[in-house]
Amino acid sequence: MGEDFIGLLRTGQVSLRKPTAKQFAAISELIARWGVPIDRDRLEDAYFHSPVLRPREYVGAIRLLEIFASQLGKLATRMLTWTSPTDSPLSMRAKAYVKEHLADPISLDEISRALHVEMHYFCNTFKKATGLTFTHYVGSVRIDQARQLLLNPHLQISEIAYSVGFGSLTHFNRLFRRIVGCSPTAYREQFKGVASI
């Protein structure tokens, strides 16, 4: 993300059925028709030694990848919102203000007045220090908080939206989908029965 390395996922090929000689012959023939030079013995060895998963194991592996992807998304959001040593004093004060007033409406005019600076100067300084507009930063912090609250099945989605500072459930749903890639309901469904991570 930007200059920072978040993570790497490396996977290989898996099969849901044990490979057969007939399948290998068809693949070899296709590769030969394409004119791709291959070491047939190495290809055959790799083909017949590819992992074979039962359907239930495959579904479990996909589920783990979904959880990994979700955690990676959370980490990316947190990295965007962390205070770093390179942040300007103004952006650090702005981030602290957001943290303290997350549930309240926060406008650019209000934050500028609270920090005793001109709005245009604040916007430029904040963007230069964080790489984000202030509005995007506030939305990201609110969505990150909402993601954590969505793991609690006893809280209603509307209750969560309002508690993290959204005045409109429609706006919350739209921004959540844009940042996370799915609706709050779908996000919660992914973690049904999964302990809070």
Protein backbone atom coordinates (compact mmCIF):
# COMPACT_ATOMS: atom_id res chain seq x y z
CA MET A 1 0.00 0.00 0.00
CA GLY A 2 1.80 3.08 -1.20
CA GLU A 3 5.41 2.55 -0.14
CA ASP A 4 4.49 0.02 2.59
CA PHE A 5 4.44 -3.74 2.10
CA ILE A 6 1.39 -5.24 3.79
CA GLY A 7 1.53 -8.92 2.93
CA LEU A 8 1.92 -11.61 0.34
CA LEU A 9 -0.25 -14.58 -0.42
CA ARG A 10 1.34 -17.34 -2.44
CA THR A 11 -0.74 -20.28 -3.55
CA GLY A 12 -0.32 -23.22 -5.86
CA GLN A 13 -2.57 -25.43 -7.92
CA VAL A 14 -5.01 -27.80 -6.25
CA SER A 15 -7.41 -30.33 -7.65
CA LEU A 16 -10.71 -31.64 -6.36
CA ARG A 17 -10.21 -35.00 -8.14
CA LYS A 18 -7.29 -37.34 -8.42
CA PRO A 19 -5.50 -36.67 -11.73
CA THR A 20 -5.71 -39.31 -14.43
CA ALA A 21 -3.38 -40.36 -17.23
CA LYS A 22 -6.07 -39.50 -19.79
CA GLN A 23 -6.30 -35.90 -18.47
CA PHE A 24 -2.53 -35.55 -18.52
CA ALA A 25 -2.35 -36.80 -22.11
CA ALA A 26 -4.96 -34.21 -23.17
CA ILE A 27 -3.05 -31.40 -21.43
CA SER A 28 0.29 -32.50 -22.90
CA GLU A 29 -1.23 -32.58 -26.38
CA LEU A 30 -2.69 -29.10 -25.95
CA ILE A 31 0.66 -27.68 -24.77
CA ALA A 32 2.43 -29.32 -27.72
CA ARG A 33 -0.09 -27.76 -30.14
CA TRP A 34 0.64 -24.35 -28.63
CA GLY A 35 4.30 -24.95 -29.41
CA VAL A 36 5.43 -24.42 -25.82
CA PRO A 37 8.69 -26.23 -25.06
CA ILE A 38 8.29 -28.40 -21.95
CA ASP A 39 10.13 -31.04 -19.98
CA ARG A 40 7.45 -33.72 -20.15
CA ASP A 41 8.82 -35.71 -17.21
CA ARG A 42 8.86 -32.67 -14.91
CA LEU A 43 5.39 -31.65 -16.06
CA GLU A 44 4.05 -35.14 -15.44
CA ASP A 45 5.66 -35.27 -11.99
CA ALA A 46 4.18 -31.88 -11.05
CA TYR A 47 0.77 -32.80 -12.45
CA PHE A 48 0.47 -36.06 -10.52
CA HIS A 49 1.85 -34.56 -7.31
CA SER A 50 -0.50 -31.58 -7.19
CA PRO A 51 -2.48 -31.54 -3.94
CA VAL A 52 -5.94 -33.08 -4.12
CA LEU A 53 -8.49 -31.62 -1.73
CA ARG A 54 -11.85 -32.98 -0.77
CA PRO A 55 -14.66 -30.49 -1.45
CA ARG A 56 -15.02 -29.75 2.28
CA GLU A 57 -11.29 -29.01 2.58
CA TYR A 58 -11.48 -26.75 -0.46
CA VAL A 59 -14.40 -24.77 1.03
CA GLY A 60 -12.41 -24.45 4.28
CA ALA A 61 -9.37 -23.15 2.41
CA ILE A 62 -11.51 -20.60 0.55
CA ARG A 63 -13.02 -19.51 3.87
CA LEU A 64 -9.53 -18.99 5.32
CA LEU A 65 -8.59 -16.90 2.27
CA GLU A 66 -11.71 -14.77 2.75
CA ILE A 67 -10.78 -14.16 6.39
CA PHE A 68 -7.20 -13.36 5.35
CA ALA A 69 -8.44 -10.90 2.73
CA SER A 70 -10.73 -9.24 5.27
CA GLN A 71 -7.92 -8.94 7.81
CA LEU A 72 -5.65 -7.51 5.12
CA GLY A 73 -8.32 -4.92 4.30
CA LYS A 74 -8.58 -4.00 7.99
CA LEU A 75 -4.82 -3.67 8.24
CA ALA A 76 -4.72 -1.46 5.14
CA THR A 77 -7.38 0.82 6.61
CA ARG A 78 -5.52 1.03 9.92
CA MET A 79 -2.27 1.79 8.12
CA LEU A 80 -4.02 4.68 6.38
CA THR A 81 -5.20 6.06 9.71
CA TRP A 82 -2.11 5.50 11.91
CA THR A 83 -0.16 8.46 13.09
CA SER A 84 3.39 8.16 11.82
CA PRO A 85 6.53 10.03 12.84
CA THR A 86 6.44 11.84 9.48
CA ASP A 87 2.97 13.29 10.18
CA SER A 88 2.88 17.02 10.68
CA PRO A 89 1.83 18.27 14.14
CA LEU A 90 -1.33 19.59 12.49
CA SER A 91 -2.31 16.20 11.03
CA MET A 92 -1.57 14.48 14.37
CA ARG A 93 -3.87 16.95 16.14
CA ALA A 94 -6.53 16.42 13.47
CA LYS A 95 -6.35 12.63 13.89
CA ALA A 96 -6.64 12.97 17.67
CA TYR A 97 -9.65 15.25 17.18
CA VAL A 98 -11.32 12.69 14.91
CA LYS A 99 -10.70 9.92 17.43
CA GLU A 100 -12.30 11.98 20.21
CA HIS A 101 -15.28 13.11 18.11
CA LEU A 102 -15.84 10.06 15.90
CA ALA A 103 -19.57 9.82 16.64
CA ASP A 104 -20.12 13.53 16.01
CA PRO A 105 -20.53 15.27 12.65
CA ILE A 106 -17.11 16.65 11.67
CA SER A 107 -16.96 19.20 8.88
CA LEU A 108 -13.88 20.76 7.34
CA ASP A 109 -14.98 24.11 8.70
CA GLU A 110 -15.32 22.67 12.20
CA ILE A 111 -11.92 20.92 12.22
CA SER A 112 -10.23 24.03 10.83
CA ARG A 113 -11.77 26.16 13.58
CA ALA A 114 -10.88 23.59 16.26
CA LEU A 115 -7.26 23.59 15.11
CA HIS A 116 -7.18 27.38 14.58
CA VAL A 117 -6.08 27.26 10.94
CA GLU A 118 -7.51 28.35 7.61
CA MET A 119 -9.48 25.56 5.89
CA HIS A 120 -7.51 25.57 2.62
CA TYR A 121 -4.21 25.42 4.51
CA PHE A 122 -5.53 22.57 6.67
CA CYS A 123 -6.71 20.54 3.66
CA ASN A 124 -3.37 20.91 1.85
CA THR A 125 -1.28 20.14 4.95
CA PHE A 126 -3.37 17.11 5.91
CA LYS A 127 -3.30 15.67 2.40
CA LYS A 128 0.46 16.21 2.10
CA ALA A 129 1.09 14.50 5.46
CA THR A 130 -1.30 11.54 5.07
CA GLY A 131 -1.89 11.13 1.34
CA LEU A 132 -5.64 11.33 2.03
CA THR A 133 -8.21 14.06 1.97
CA PHE A 134 -9.59 14.76 5.43
CA THR A 135 -13.04 13.56 4.38
CA HIS A 136 -11.63 10.26 3.11
CA TYR A 137 -9.65 9.84 6.32
CA VAL A 138 -12.72 10.37 8.52
CA GLY A 139 -14.77 7.95 6.41
CA SER A 140 -12.02 5.31 6.59
CA VAL A 141 -11.72 5.60 10.37
CA ARG A 142 -15.49 5.35 10.78
CA ILE A 143 -15.74 2.31 8.51
CA ASP A 144 -12.85 0.63 10.34
CA GLN A 145 -14.67 1.14 13.64
CA ALA A 146 -17.91 -0.14 12.09
CA ARG A 147 -16.15 -3.31 10.88
CA GLN A 148 -15.12 -4.07 14.44
CA LEU A 149 -18.62 -3.43 15.77
CA LEU A 150 -20.19 -5.63 13.07
CA LEU A 151 -18.52 -8.64 14.68
CA ASN A 152 -20.99 -8.22 17.55
CA PRO A 153 -24.18 -9.92 16.28
CA HIS A 154 -26.30 -8.18 18.96
CA LEU A 155 -25.83 -4.70 17.49
CA GLN A 156 -28.12 -3.57 14.70
CA ILE A 157 -26.45 -2.19 11.58
CA SER A 158 -28.29 1.13 11.88
CA GLU A 159 -27.16 1.41 15.51
CA ILE A 160 -23.55 0.83 14.41
CA ALA A 161 -23.80 3.38 11.59
CA TYR A 162 -25.06 6.11 13.91
CA SER A 163 -22.60 5.24 16.69
CA VAL A 164 -19.61 5.80 14.39
CA GLY A 165 -20.85 9.17 13.17
CA PHE A 166 -22.99 8.53 10.09
CA GLY A 167 -26.15 10.60 9.96
CA SER A 168 -27.57 8.53 7.12
CA LEU A 169 -27.81 4.75 6.84
CA THR A 170 -27.75 5.06 3.04
CA HIS A 171 -24.49 6.99 3.13
CA PHE A 172 -23.02 4.44 5.57
CA ASN A 173 -24.00 1.50 3.34
CA ARG A 174 -22.63 3.20 0.21
CA LEU A 175 -19.29 4.12 1.78
CA PHE A 176 -18.95 0.74 3.49
CA ARG A 177 -19.46 -1.04 0.16
CA ARG A 178 -16.95 1.27 -1.57
CA ILE A 179 -14.23 0.76 1.06
CA VAL A 180 -14.80 -2.87 2.07
CA GLY A 181 -16.18 -4.26 -1.19
CA CYS A 182 -19.44 -5.64 0.21
CA SER A 183 -22.45 -4.50 2.21
CA PRO A 184 -22.35 -4.40 6.02
CA THR A 185 -24.79 -7.31 6.11
CA ALA A 186 -22.62 -9.43 3.80
CA TYR A 187 -19.54 -8.49 5.83
CA ARG A 188 -21.22 -9.64 9.04
CA GLU A 189 -22.34 -12.89 7.38
CA GLN A 190 -18.70 -13.73 6.57
CA PHE A 191 -17.93 -13.84 10.28
CA LYS A 192 -20.95 -15.69 11.55
CA GLY A 193 -19.66 -18.25 14.01
CA VAL A 194 -16.11 -16.89 13.81
CA ALA A 195 -14.63 -15.52 17.02
CA SER A 196 -13.74 -11.83 17.01
CA ILE A 197 -10.36 -11.48 15.35
